[in-house]
Amino acid sequence: MKTPSIYIVILVLLIGCKNEDKLTLAPQIFSGENCEGCPQISINIPQVLEETRLAENINSSISNEITSILLFEDTDNSQSYTIEEGIEAFKKEHREITKLYQDEVETWEATIEGDVSYEDKNMLTIILASYLYSGGAHGYESIRFLNFEKKTGKKLKNYELFKDEEAFKNLAEKAFRKAEGIAENKSINATGFMFEGETFYLPENLGFTKEGIKLLYNQYEVASYADGPIEIIIPYESAKSHLKGALKKALATTTFED
């Protein structure tokens, strides 16, 4: 008679085979000091656990992105920042503003949540949703996609995803017009959008999801704050011919779950 331990071993082997293309990730949680007037900070993001150069590159890129969110600016990719350094910089900025406007400064807040949006043997996409408040009528919400090439751990820029970015942009504009009810012979701003020069352009943030490539315009990017983020999905079947070779091949062999 087989013992229960044998079944456990078999189950572990089956799970290992099923997830052999997936990285091992675990939540990494940070929080600020719990004191009156201190910035309220909550950060919960995935961290790659493998002790490899790939994991190091991905984790470092995520940390840099978190720091850029906390500082409201782009960080220098040639320098590595820890999340702790980003938090300290956020708190320092709050202290300096408090010294200047002691009676006017409200409690600052920074909330950042991260998760895996997509993963196959070649690609990993992390989505970061953030909310920052540093005074004023309302805070600022944003969503960022980080697309990584798993072979090197390199964070890919948008243009590096496509063999012909212009062709993909044309495809995206047709999908955008259809989703927003904008006729092809009308200005892209005909229904109230605010594309500069009345010319359609891809958003700063686009990433891989189970449903397709998501194009996401954050608040103020092409519409007012009240309109919230604007997003559309380009199905992989439509998009894959515009992707670079390795990405196109990976999608062709990937089974997407509901």
Protein backbone atom coordinates (compact mmCIF):
# COMPACT_ATOMS: atom_id res chain seq x y z
CA MET A 1 0.00 0.00 0.00
CA LYS A 2 1.32 3.45 -0.95
CA THR A 3 1.85 5.85 1.92
CA PRO A 4 0.43 9.40 1.91
CA SER A 5 3.98 10.78 1.66
CA ILE A 6 4.35 9.25 -1.80
CA TYR A 7 1.24 11.08 -3.00
CA ILE A 8 2.60 14.31 -1.59
CA VAL A 9 5.87 13.86 -3.49
CA ILE A 10 3.98 13.14 -6.72
CA LEU A 11 1.80 16.23 -6.19
CA VAL A 12 4.84 18.44 -5.63
CA LEU A 13 6.47 17.08 -8.80
CA LEU A 14 3.33 17.75 -10.83
CA ILE A 15 3.05 21.30 -9.52
CA GLY A 16 6.73 21.85 -10.23
CA CYS A 17 6.32 20.71 -13.84
CA LYS A 18 3.26 22.92 -14.33
CA ASN A 19 5.03 26.02 -12.98
CA GLU A 20 8.52 25.37 -14.31
CA ASP A 21 8.39 28.57 -16.39
CA LYS A 22 7.27 30.71 -13.46
CA LEU A 23 9.54 32.63 -11.13
CA THR A 24 9.18 32.21 -7.39
CA LEU A 25 7.68 35.39 -5.96
CA ALA A 26 6.70 36.49 -2.49
CA PRO A 27 5.13 39.68 -1.12
CA GLN A 28 7.48 42.36 0.16
CA ILE A 29 5.78 44.73 2.60
CA PHE A 30 6.88 48.16 3.85
CA SER A 31 5.12 50.65 6.07
CA GLY A 32 5.81 54.04 7.60
CA GLU A 33 5.91 55.12 11.23
CA ASN A 34 2.65 55.06 13.15
CA CYS A 35 2.69 58.52 14.67
CA GLU A 36 0.60 61.70 14.53
CA GLY A 37 1.50 63.83 11.54
CA CYS A 38 3.82 61.22 10.02
CA PRO A 39 3.28 60.23 6.37
CA GLN A 40 1.05 57.17 6.05
CA ILE A 41 3.03 54.70 3.94
CA SER A 42 1.94 51.25 2.77
CA ILE A 43 3.83 49.32 0.10
CA ASN A 44 3.08 45.72 -0.89
CA ILE A 45 4.92 44.44 -3.96
CA PRO A 46 6.17 41.11 -5.34
CA GLN A 47 9.82 40.16 -4.95
CA VAL A 48 11.62 37.47 -6.95
CA LEU A 49 13.19 35.02 -4.51
CA GLU A 50 15.69 33.19 -6.72
CA GLU A 51 19.33 34.07 -6.05
CA THR A 52 20.16 34.83 -9.68
CA ARG A 53 21.21 37.82 -11.72
CA LEU A 54 17.75 37.73 -13.31
CA ALA A 55 16.09 38.11 -9.89
CA GLU A 56 18.52 40.83 -8.89
CA ASN A 57 17.81 42.84 -12.05
CA ILE A 58 14.04 42.53 -11.74
CA ASN A 59 13.97 43.38 -8.02
CA SER A 60 16.31 46.34 -8.57
CA SER A 61 14.11 47.70 -11.38
CA ILE A 62 11.00 47.41 -9.22
CA SER A 63 12.76 49.22 -6.36
CA ASN A 64 13.82 52.02 -8.70
CA GLU A 65 10.26 52.34 -9.96
CA ILE A 66 8.90 52.55 -6.41
CA THR A 67 11.43 55.28 -5.63
CA SER A 68 10.43 57.25 -8.73
CA ILE A 69 6.77 57.07 -7.65
CA LEU A 70 7.59 58.30 -4.14
CA LEU A 71 9.68 61.18 -5.49
CA PHE A 72 7.27 62.11 -8.31
CA GLU A 73 10.15 61.87 -10.81
CA ASP A 74 12.11 59.51 -13.04
CA THR A 75 15.08 57.88 -11.36
CA ASP A 76 18.50 57.40 -12.88
CA ASN A 77 18.59 53.85 -14.25
CA SER A 78 22.38 53.78 -13.89
CA GLN A 79 21.98 53.93 -10.10
CA SER A 80 20.21 51.40 -7.90
CA TYR A 81 17.82 52.63 -5.21
CA THR A 82 16.34 50.62 -2.38
CA ILE A 83 12.72 51.01 -1.36
CA GLU A 84 13.90 52.06 2.08
CA GLU A 85 15.81 54.94 0.46
CA GLY A 86 12.69 55.97 -1.42
CA ILE A 87 10.63 55.96 1.76
CA GLU A 88 13.24 58.03 3.59
CA ALA A 89 13.31 60.54 0.71
CA PHE A 90 9.49 60.81 0.84
CA LYS A 91 9.60 61.41 4.60
CA LYS A 92 12.41 63.96 4.22
CA GLU A 93 10.41 65.90 1.64
CA HIS A 94 7.46 65.91 4.04
CA ARG A 95 9.63 67.22 6.90
CA GLU A 96 11.02 70.03 4.74
CA ILE A 97 7.54 71.11 3.59
CA THR A 98 6.30 70.96 7.18
CA LYS A 99 9.06 73.35 8.30
CA LEU A 100 8.04 75.87 5.65
CA TYR A 101 4.27 75.61 6.15
CA GLN A 102 3.77 74.35 9.69
CA ASP A 103 0.11 75.30 9.96
CA GLU A 104 -0.95 74.19 6.49
CA VAL A 105 0.59 70.78 5.82
CA GLU A 106 -1.85 67.87 5.83
CA THR A 107 -0.92 64.25 6.46
CA TRP A 108 0.81 62.80 3.44
CA GLU A 109 -0.03 59.35 2.14
CA ALA A 110 1.68 56.84 -0.14
CA THR A 111 0.03 53.52 -1.00
CA ILE A 112 1.58 51.21 -3.61
CA GLU A 113 0.30 47.73 -4.51
CA GLY A 114 2.08 45.45 -6.96
CA ASP A 115 1.12 42.17 -8.61
CA VAL A 116 1.99 39.94 -11.55
CA SER A 117 -0.07 40.90 -14.58
CA TYR A 118 1.37 38.32 -16.95
CA GLU A 119 4.11 35.69 -17.06
CA ASP A 120 5.38 33.10 -19.52
CA LYS A 121 8.82 31.60 -20.07
CA ASN A 122 10.03 34.73 -21.87
CA MET A 123 8.13 37.63 -20.30
CA LEU A 124 7.13 38.94 -16.90
CA THR A 125 4.84 41.95 -16.47
CA ILE A 126 4.42 43.59 -13.08
CA ILE A 127 1.60 46.07 -12.49
CA LEU A 128 2.00 48.78 -9.85
CA ALA A 129 -1.05 50.72 -8.64
CA SER A 130 -0.21 53.76 -6.54
CA TYR A 131 -1.97 56.54 -4.67
CA LEU A 132 -0.03 59.56 -3.40
CA TYR A 133 -1.37 62.50 -1.46
CA SER A 134 0.83 65.47 -0.56
CA GLY A 135 -1.81 68.12 0.04
CA GLY A 136 -4.34 69.85 -2.16
CA ALA A 137 -7.83 68.98 -3.29
CA HIS A 138 -7.10 65.34 -4.04
CA GLY A 139 -4.31 62.80 -4.34
CA TYR A 140 -2.86 61.30 -7.49
CA GLU A 141 -3.58 57.75 -8.60
CA SER A 142 -1.55 56.00 -11.27
CA ILE A 143 -0.91 52.57 -12.71
CA ARG A 144 2.41 51.49 -14.17
CA PHE A 145 3.33 48.40 -16.13
CA LEU A 146 6.86 47.01 -15.93
CA ASN A 147 7.61 44.56 -18.76
CA PHE A 148 10.67 42.36 -18.22
CA GLU A 149 12.54 40.09 -20.58
CA LYS A 150 13.20 37.03 -18.41
CA LYS A 151 16.32 35.96 -20.29
CA THR A 152 18.22 39.01 -19.04
CA GLY A 153 15.95 40.62 -16.47
CA LYS A 154 15.97 43.79 -18.56
CA LYS A 155 13.03 46.14 -18.21
CA LEU A 156 11.81 46.73 -21.75
CA LYS A 157 10.86 50.14 -23.05
CA ASN A 158 7.64 50.27 -25.04
CA TYR A 159 9.37 50.57 -28.42
CA GLU A 160 11.38 47.42 -27.65
CA LEU A 161 8.19 45.35 -27.63
CA PHE A 162 7.32 45.95 -31.27
CA LYS A 163 8.96 45.24 -34.58
CA ASP A 164 6.94 48.13 -36.03
CA GLU A 165 5.69 50.53 -33.35
CA GLU A 166 3.99 52.77 -35.90
CA ALA A 167 1.91 49.86 -37.24
CA PHE A 168 0.88 48.90 -33.71
CA LYS A 169 -0.03 52.53 -32.98
CA ASN A 170 -2.34 52.55 -36.02
CA LEU A 171 -3.98 49.34 -34.79
CA ALA A 172 -4.36 50.86 -31.31
CA GLU A 173 -5.93 54.05 -32.68
CA LYS A 174 -8.59 52.06 -34.54
CA ALA A 175 -9.36 50.12 -31.35
CA PHE A 176 -9.45 53.34 -29.30
CA ARG A 177 -11.81 55.07 -31.73
CA LYS A 178 -14.12 52.06 -31.77
CA ALA A 179 -14.16 51.78 -27.96
CA GLU A 180 -14.79 55.52 -27.48
CA GLY A 181 -17.21 56.01 -30.38
CA ILE A 182 -14.99 58.37 -32.39
CA ALA A 183 -15.51 58.26 -36.16
CA GLU A 184 -12.42 57.78 -38.33
CA ASN A 185 -13.05 61.07 -40.15
CA LYS A 186 -13.28 63.02 -36.87
CA SER A 187 -10.54 64.51 -34.68
CA ILE A 188 -9.30 62.13 -31.99
CA ASN A 189 -10.37 64.86 -29.55
CA ALA A 190 -13.88 65.12 -30.97
CA THR A 191 -15.50 63.65 -27.85
CA GLY A 192 -13.47 65.65 -25.33
CA PHE A 193 -10.09 63.93 -25.14
CA MET A 194 -6.94 66.03 -24.88
CA PHE A 195 -4.35 64.45 -27.18
CA GLU A 196 -1.66 67.03 -27.91
CA GLY A 197 -1.77 68.28 -31.49
CA GLU A 198 -5.03 66.32 -31.93
CA THR A 199 -2.88 63.32 -32.84
CA PHE A 200 -3.31 59.88 -31.31
CA TYR A 201 -0.32 58.44 -29.49
CA LEU A 202 0.35 55.38 -27.37
CA PRO A 203 0.24 55.79 -23.59
CA GLU A 204 3.33 55.78 -21.41
CA ASN A 205 2.00 52.61 -19.82
CA LEU A 206 1.15 49.46 -21.69
CA GLY A 207 1.57 45.91 -20.51
CA PHE A 208 0.75 42.26 -21.00
CA THR A 209 -2.33 40.76 -19.35
CA LYS A 210 -4.17 37.47 -19.78
CA GLU A 211 -6.71 39.18 -22.03
CA GLY A 212 -4.26 41.01 -24.30
CA ILE A 213 -2.03 44.07 -24.36
CA LYS A 214 -3.54 46.74 -22.13
CA LEU A 215 -3.07 50.39 -23.10
CA LEU A 216 -3.60 52.60 -20.07
CA TYR A 217 -3.72 56.39 -20.01
CA ASN A 218 -3.44 57.66 -16.45
CA GLN A 219 -5.39 60.65 -15.17
CA TYR A 220 -4.46 63.91 -16.90
CA GLU A 221 -2.62 62.05 -19.68
CA VAL A 222 -5.36 62.48 -22.32
CA ALA A 223 -8.40 63.37 -20.22
CA SER A 224 -9.39 65.25 -17.08
CA TYR A 225 -8.92 63.96 -13.53
CA ALA A 226 -12.66 63.36 -13.25
CA ASP A 227 -12.58 60.99 -16.24
CA GLY A 228 -10.19 58.68 -14.39
CA PRO A 229 -7.80 56.35 -16.21
CA ILE A 230 -8.63 55.42 -19.82
CA GLU A 231 -7.82 51.91 -20.96
CA ILE A 232 -8.33 49.59 -23.89
CA ILE A 233 -7.30 45.99 -24.55
CA ILE A 234 -5.71 44.87 -27.82
CA PRO A 235 -6.31 41.09 -28.17
CA TYR A 236 -3.14 39.08 -28.75
CA GLU A 237 -4.55 37.63 -31.95
CA SER A 238 -4.60 41.17 -33.38
CA ALA A 239 -1.38 42.37 -31.76
CA LYS A 240 1.02 39.46 -32.19
CA SER A 241 1.98 40.25 -35.80
CA HIS A 242 3.33 43.61 -34.59
CA LEU A 243 5.42 42.17 -31.75
CA LYS A 244 9.09 41.31 -31.96
CA GLY A 245 9.98 37.74 -32.86
CA ALA A 246 10.54 36.24 -29.40
CA LEU A 247 7.37 37.80 -27.99
CA LYS A 248 5.29 36.71 -30.96
CA LYS A 249 6.59 33.16 -30.68
CA ALA A 250 5.94 33.05 -26.93
CA LEU A 251 2.34 34.15 -27.35
CA ALA A 252 1.76 31.57 -30.04
CA THR A 253 2.58 28.78 -27.58
CA THR A 254 0.84 30.24 -24.51
CA THR A 255 -2.52 29.05 -23.25
CA PHE A 256 -4.47 31.85 -21.59
CA GLU A 257 -6.68 31.14 -18.60
CA ASP A 258 -10.13 32.65 -18.13
